[in-house]
C-alpha atoms as a PDB file:
ATOM      1  CA  UNK A   1     130.726  64.253  77.906  1.00  0.00           C
ATOM      2  CA  UNK A   2     129.092  65.701  81.111  1.00  0.00           C
ATOM      3  CA  UNK A   3     126.142  68.035  80.963  1.00  0.00           C
ATOM      4  CA  UNK A   4     126.319  71.430  82.607  1.00  0.00           C
ATOM      5  CA  UNK A   5     124.266  70.181  85.519  1.00  0.00           C
ATOM      6  CA  UNK A   6     126.506  67.171  85.991  1.00  0.00           C
ATOM      7  CA  UNK A   7     129.628  69.393  85.933  1.00  0.00           C
ATOM      8  CA  UNK A   8     128.108  71.556  88.602  1.00  0.00           C
ATOM      9  CA  UNK A   9     127.045  68.534  90.649  1.00  0.00           C
ATOM     10  CA  UNK A  10     130.708  67.400  90.717  1.00  0.00           C
ATOM     11  CA  UNK A  11     131.953  70.876  91.699  1.00  0.00           C
ATOM     12  CA  UNK A  12     129.253  71.288  94.410  1.00  0.00           C
ATOM     13  CA  UNK A  13     130.719  68.271  96.323  1.00  0.00           C
ATOM     14  CA  UNK A  14     133.239  70.727  97.765  1.00  0.00           C
ATOM     15  CA  UNK A  15     131.493  72.623 100.614  1.00  0.00           C
ATOM     16  CA  UNK A  16     133.644  75.754 100.006  1.00  0.00           C
ATOM     17  CA  UNK A  17     132.719  75.793  96.278  1.00  0.00           C
ATOM     18  CA  UNK A  18     129.110  75.211  97.149  1.00  0.00           C
ATOM     19  CA  UNK A  19     128.969  78.139  99.591  1.00  0.00           C
ATOM     20  CA  UNK A  20     130.782  80.562  97.219  1.00  0.00           C
ATOM     21  CA  UNK A  21     128.804  79.428  94.165  1.00  0.00           C
ATOM     22  CA  UNK A  22     125.428  80.072  95.733  1.00  0.00           C
ATOM     23  CA  UNK A  23     126.531  83.499  97.090  1.00  0.00           C
ATOM     24  CA  UNK A  24     128.016  84.510  93.693  1.00  0.00           C
ATOM     25  CA  UNK A  25     125.227  83.145  91.530  1.00  0.00           C
ATOM     26  CA  UNK A  26     122.393  84.652  93.495  1.00  0.00           C
ATOM     27  CA  UNK A  27     124.168  88.040  93.578  1.00  0.00           C
ATOM     28  CA  UNK A  28     124.871  88.018  89.880  1.00  0.00           C
ATOM     29  CA  UNK A  29     121.329  86.883  88.953  1.00  0.00           C
ATOM     30  CA  UNK A  30     119.687  89.467  91.058  1.00  0.00           C
ATOM     31  CA  UNK A  31     121.759  92.192  89.448  1.00  0.00           C
ATOM     32  CA  UNK A  32     121.342  90.825  86.013  1.00  0.00           C
ATOM     33  CA  UNK A  33     117.559  90.500  86.258  1.00  0.00           C
ATOM     34  CA  UNK A  34     117.038  93.964  87.756  1.00  0.00           C
ATOM     35  CA  UNK A  35     118.965  95.568  84.964  1.00  0.00           C
ATOM     36  CA  UNK A  36     117.314  93.325  82.229  1.00  0.00           C
ATOM     37  CA  UNK A  37     113.798  94.176  83.351  1.00  0.00           C
ATOM     38  CA  UNK A  38     114.602  97.884  83.644  1.00  0.00           C
ATOM     39  CA  UNK A  39     116.164  97.915  80.246  1.00  0.00           C
ATOM     40  CA  UNK A  40     113.258  95.942  78.671  1.00  0.00           C
ATOM     41  CA  UNK A  41     110.904  98.658  80.011  1.00  0.00           C
ATOM     42  CA  UNK A  42     113.171 101.345  78.686  1.00  0.00           C
ATOM     43  CA  UNK A  43     113.464 102.913  82.141  1.00  0.00           C
ATOM     44  CA  UNK A  44     116.495 104.822  83.379  1.00  0.00           C
ATOM     45  CA  UNK A  45     118.034 104.032  86.779  1.00  0.00           C
ATOM     46  CA  UNK A  46     116.446 107.280  88.040  1.00  0.00           C
ATOM     47  CA  UNK A  47     113.026 106.173  86.780  1.00  0.00           C
ATOM     48  CA  UNK A  48     113.312 102.839  88.523  1.00  0.00           C
ATOM     49  CA  UNK A  49     114.458 104.577  91.747  1.00  0.00           C
ATOM     50  CA  UNK A  50     111.517 106.920  91.634  1.00  0.00           C
ATOM     51  CA  UNK A  51     109.127 104.046  91.097  1.00  0.00           C
ATOM     52  CA  UNK A  52     110.850 102.102  93.934  1.00  0.00           C
ATOM     53  CA  UNK A  53     109.641 104.482  96.612  1.00  0.00           C
ATOM     54  CA  UNK A  54     112.172 107.154  95.921  1.00  0.00           C
ATOM     55  CA  UNK A  55     115.291 105.014  95.867  1.00  0.00           C
ATOM     56  CA  UNK A  56     118.336 107.042  94.699  1.00  0.00           C
ATOM     57  CA  UNK A  57     119.906 106.304  91.350  1.00  0.00           C
ATOM     58  CA  UNK A  58     123.159 105.302  93.019  1.00  0.00           C
ATOM     59  CA  UNK A  59     121.227 102.656  94.938  1.00  0.00           C
ATOM     60  CA  UNK A  60     119.789 101.265  91.759  1.00  0.00           C
ATOM     61  CA  UNK A  61     123.289 101.256  90.249  1.00  0.00           C
ATOM     62  CA  UNK A  62     124.537  99.199  93.184  1.00  0.00           C
ATOM     63  CA  UNK A  63     121.669  96.743  92.864  1.00  0.00           C
ATOM     64  CA  UNK A  64     122.494  96.288  89.196  1.00  0.00           C
ATOM     65  CA  UNK A  65     126.199  95.714  89.955  1.00  0.00           C
ATOM     66  CA  UNK A  66     126.856  91.942  90.110  1.00  0.00           C
ATOM     67  CA  UNK A  67     129.874  92.546  92.354  1.00  0.00           C
ATOM     68  CA  UNK A  68     127.740  94.362  94.980  1.00  0.00           C
ATOM     69  CA  UNK A  69     127.032  92.070  97.963  1.00  0.00           C
ATOM     70  CA  UNK A  70     124.937  94.439 100.071  1.00  0.00           C
ATOM     71  CA  UNK A  71     121.536  93.894  98.553  1.00  0.00           C
ATOM     72  CA  UNK A  72     118.859  93.951 101.180  1.00  0.00           C
ATOM     73  CA  UNK A  73     115.475  92.189 101.314  1.00  0.00           C
ATOM     74  CA  UNK A  74     113.825  95.649 101.699  1.00  0.00           C
ATOM     75  CA  UNK A  75     115.428  96.847  98.468  1.00  0.00           C
ATOM     76  CA  UNK A  76     114.330  93.838  96.630  1.00  0.00           C
ATOM     77  CA  UNK A  77     110.777  94.299  97.879  1.00  0.00           C
ATOM     78  CA  UNK A  78     110.828  97.925  96.692  1.00  0.00           C
ATOM     79  CA  UNK A  79     112.151  96.919  93.204  1.00  0.00           C
ATOM     80  CA  UNK A  80     109.578  94.195  92.928  1.00  0.00           C
ATOM     81  CA  UNK A  81     106.814  96.627  93.796  1.00  0.00           C
ATOM     82  CA  UNK A  82     108.221  99.125  91.322  1.00  0.00           C
ATOM     83  CA  UNK A  83     108.112  96.445  88.530  1.00  0.00           C
ATOM     84  CA  UNK A  84     104.810  95.122  89.718  1.00  0.00           C
ATOM     85  CA  UNK A  85     106.214  91.628  90.157  1.00  0.00           C
ATOM     86  CA  UNK A  86     106.195  89.002  92.802  1.00  0.00           C
ATOM     87  CA  UNK A  87     109.350  88.263  94.732  1.00  0.00           C
ATOM     88  CA  UNK A  88     110.290  84.652  95.588  1.00  0.00           C
ATOM     89  CA  UNK A  89     113.086  84.084  98.152  1.00  0.00           C
ATOM     90  CA  UNK A  90     113.374  80.462  99.131  1.00  0.00           C
ATOM     91  CA  UNK A  91     115.875  78.115 100.696  1.00  0.00           C
ATOM     92  CA  UNK A  92     115.959  75.027  98.556  1.00  0.00           C
ATOM     93  CA  UNK A  93     117.695  71.635  98.261  1.00  0.00           C
ATOM     94  CA  UNK A  94     120.627  71.704  95.925  1.00  0.00           C
ATOM     95  CA  UNK A  95     119.065  69.552  93.231  1.00  0.00           C
ATOM     96  CA  UNK A  96     116.231  72.071  92.956  1.00  0.00           C
ATOM     97  CA  UNK A  97     118.742  75.003  92.926  1.00  0.00           C
ATOM     98  CA  UNK A  98     120.736  73.282  90.136  1.00  0.00           C
ATOM     99  CA  UNK A  99     117.561  72.690  88.080  1.00  0.00           C
ATOM    100  CA  UNK A 100     116.839  76.373  88.384  1.00  0.00           C
ATOM    101  CA  UNK A 101     120.448  77.422  87.508  1.00  0.00           C
ATOM    102  CA  UNK A 102     120.520  75.215  84.349  1.00  0.00           C
ATOM    103  CA  UNK A 103     117.071  76.297  83.176  1.00  0.00           C
ATOM    104  CA  UNK A 104     117.482  80.049  83.344  1.00  0.00           C
ATOM    105  CA  UNK A 105     116.899  81.750  80.047  1.00  0.00           C
ATOM    106  CA  UNK A 106     116.227  85.333  78.899  1.00  0.00           C
ATOM    107  CA  UNK A 107     112.431  84.914  79.022  1.00  0.00           C
ATOM    108  CA  UNK A 108     112.652  83.923  82.660  1.00  0.00           C
ATOM    109  CA  UNK A 109     114.817  86.921  83.410  1.00  0.00           C
ATOM    110  CA  UNK A 110     112.237  89.350  82.240  1.00  0.00           C
ATOM    111  CA  UNK A 111     108.822  88.252  83.459  1.00  0.00           C
ATOM    112  CA  UNK A 112     105.608  90.174  82.627  1.00  0.00           C
ATOM    113  CA  UNK A 113     104.172  92.503  85.194  1.00  0.00           C
ATOM    114  CA  UNK A 114     100.937  91.759  86.913  1.00  0.00           C
ATOM    115  CA  UNK A 115      99.017  93.877  84.388  1.00  0.00           C
ATOM    116  CA  UNK A 116     100.785  92.228  81.419  1.00  0.00           C
ATOM    117  CA  UNK A 117     100.185  88.772  82.779  1.00  0.00           C
ATOM    118  CA  UNK A 118      96.486  89.530  83.316  1.00  0.00           C
ATOM    119  CA  UNK A 119      96.268  90.842  79.700  1.00  0.00           C
ATOM    120  CA  UNK A 120      97.973  87.707  78.393  1.00  0.00           C
ATOM    121  CA  UNK A 121      95.607  85.509  80.322  1.00  0.00           C
ATOM    122  CA  UNK A 122      92.615  87.468  79.013  1.00  0.00           C
ATOM    123  CA  UNK A 123      93.799  87.166  75.463  1.00  0.00           C
ATOM    124  CA  UNK A 124      94.291  83.363  75.912  1.00  0.00           C
ATOM    125  CA  UNK A 125      90.592  83.022  76.898  1.00  0.00           C
ATOM    126  CA  UNK A 126      89.037  85.372  74.255  1.00  0.00           C
ATOM    127  CA  UNK A 127      87.729  83.750  71.168  1.00  0.00           C
ATOM    128  CA  UNK A 128      88.327  85.388  67.738  1.00  0.00           C
ATOM    129  CA  UNK A 129      84.512  85.599  67.324  1.00  0.00           C
ATOM    130  CA  UNK A 130      84.121  87.607  70.581  1.00  0.00           C
ATOM    131  CA  UNK A 131      86.888  89.927  69.424  1.00  0.00           C
ATOM    132  CA  UNK A 132      85.022  90.582  66.168  1.00  0.00           C
ATOM    133  CA  UNK A 133      81.821  91.038  68.062  1.00  0.00           C
ATOM    134  CA  UNK A 134      83.405  93.551  70.497  1.00  0.00           C
ATOM    135  CA  UNK A 135      84.931  95.406  67.612  1.00  0.00           C
ATOM    136  CA  UNK A 136      81.607  95.545  65.733  1.00  0.00           C
ATOM    137  CA  UNK A 137      79.726  96.706  68.822  1.00  0.00           C
ATOM    138  CA  UNK A 138      82.219  99.466  69.554  1.00  0.00           C
ATOM    139  CA  UNK A 139      82.207 100.619  65.924  1.00  0.00           C
ATOM    140  CA  UNK A 140      78.583  99.876  64.895  1.00  0.00           C
ATOM    141  CA  UNK A 141      77.580 103.514  64.756  1.00  0.00           C
ATOM    142  CA  UNK A 142      80.450 104.335  62.442  1.00  0.00           C
ATOM    143  CA  UNK A 143      79.592 101.403  60.211  1.00  0.00           C
ATOM    144  CA  UNK A 144      75.944 102.416  60.165  1.00  0.00           C
ATOM    145  CA  UNK A 145      76.793 105.947  59.085  1.00  0.00           C
ATOM    146  CA  UNK A 146      79.024 104.561  56.347  1.00  0.00           C
ATOM    147  CA  UNK A 147      76.245 102.263  55.105  1.00  0.00           C
ATOM    148  CA  UNK A 148      73.809 105.150  55.066  1.00  0.00           C
ATOM    149  CA  UNK A 149      76.202 107.252  53.079  1.00  0.00           C
ATOM    150  CA  UNK A 150      76.704 104.381  50.552  1.00  0.00           C
ATOM    151  CA  UNK A 151      72.875 104.006  50.289  1.00  0.00           C
ATOM    152  CA  UNK A 152      72.559 107.761  49.505  1.00  0.00           C
ATOM    153  CA  UNK A 153      75.121 107.508  46.764  1.00  0.00           C
ATOM    154  CA  UNK A 154      73.321 104.547  45.144  1.00  0.00           C
ATOM    155  CA  UNK A 155      69.856 105.983  45.600  1.00  0.00           C
ATOM    156  CA  UNK A 156      68.167 106.680  42.193  1.00  0.00           C
ATOM    157  CA  UNK A 157      66.380 110.045  42.032  1.00  0.00           C
ATOM    158  CA  UNK A 158      62.684 109.883  41.272  1.00  0.00           C
END
């Protein structure tokens, strides 16, 4: 039985299929990804449009339509800026393109924003002891007050 990649490799031998597949796949993936990210962030199309330098809701709706073929580079840059994400547009050999196609999963569709990525990196490099230390130093005055109150309760009158 052939893998999905092998099936696509066979189909891509036809230059007409190859051309149409790339156009359709890219168009569908862009629309799907924009919608998935917007929904993950619980934004309306209006909110995304506002964040994308005042793009109208109808423009966002078009970008999320997998049948819309008029997506411009400028629109993608505006959406990437609104989502605080990088934008990669690259011409690639077909074997690399196929690797990308067969490896797409929901996690790749909704990447973290720059701020979320930085927070994740920070958390990966923070030791549990430093978190405890940070917590204690932030709340030391509260803990000291609680300790004093406890000491007063226990104090034996003379």
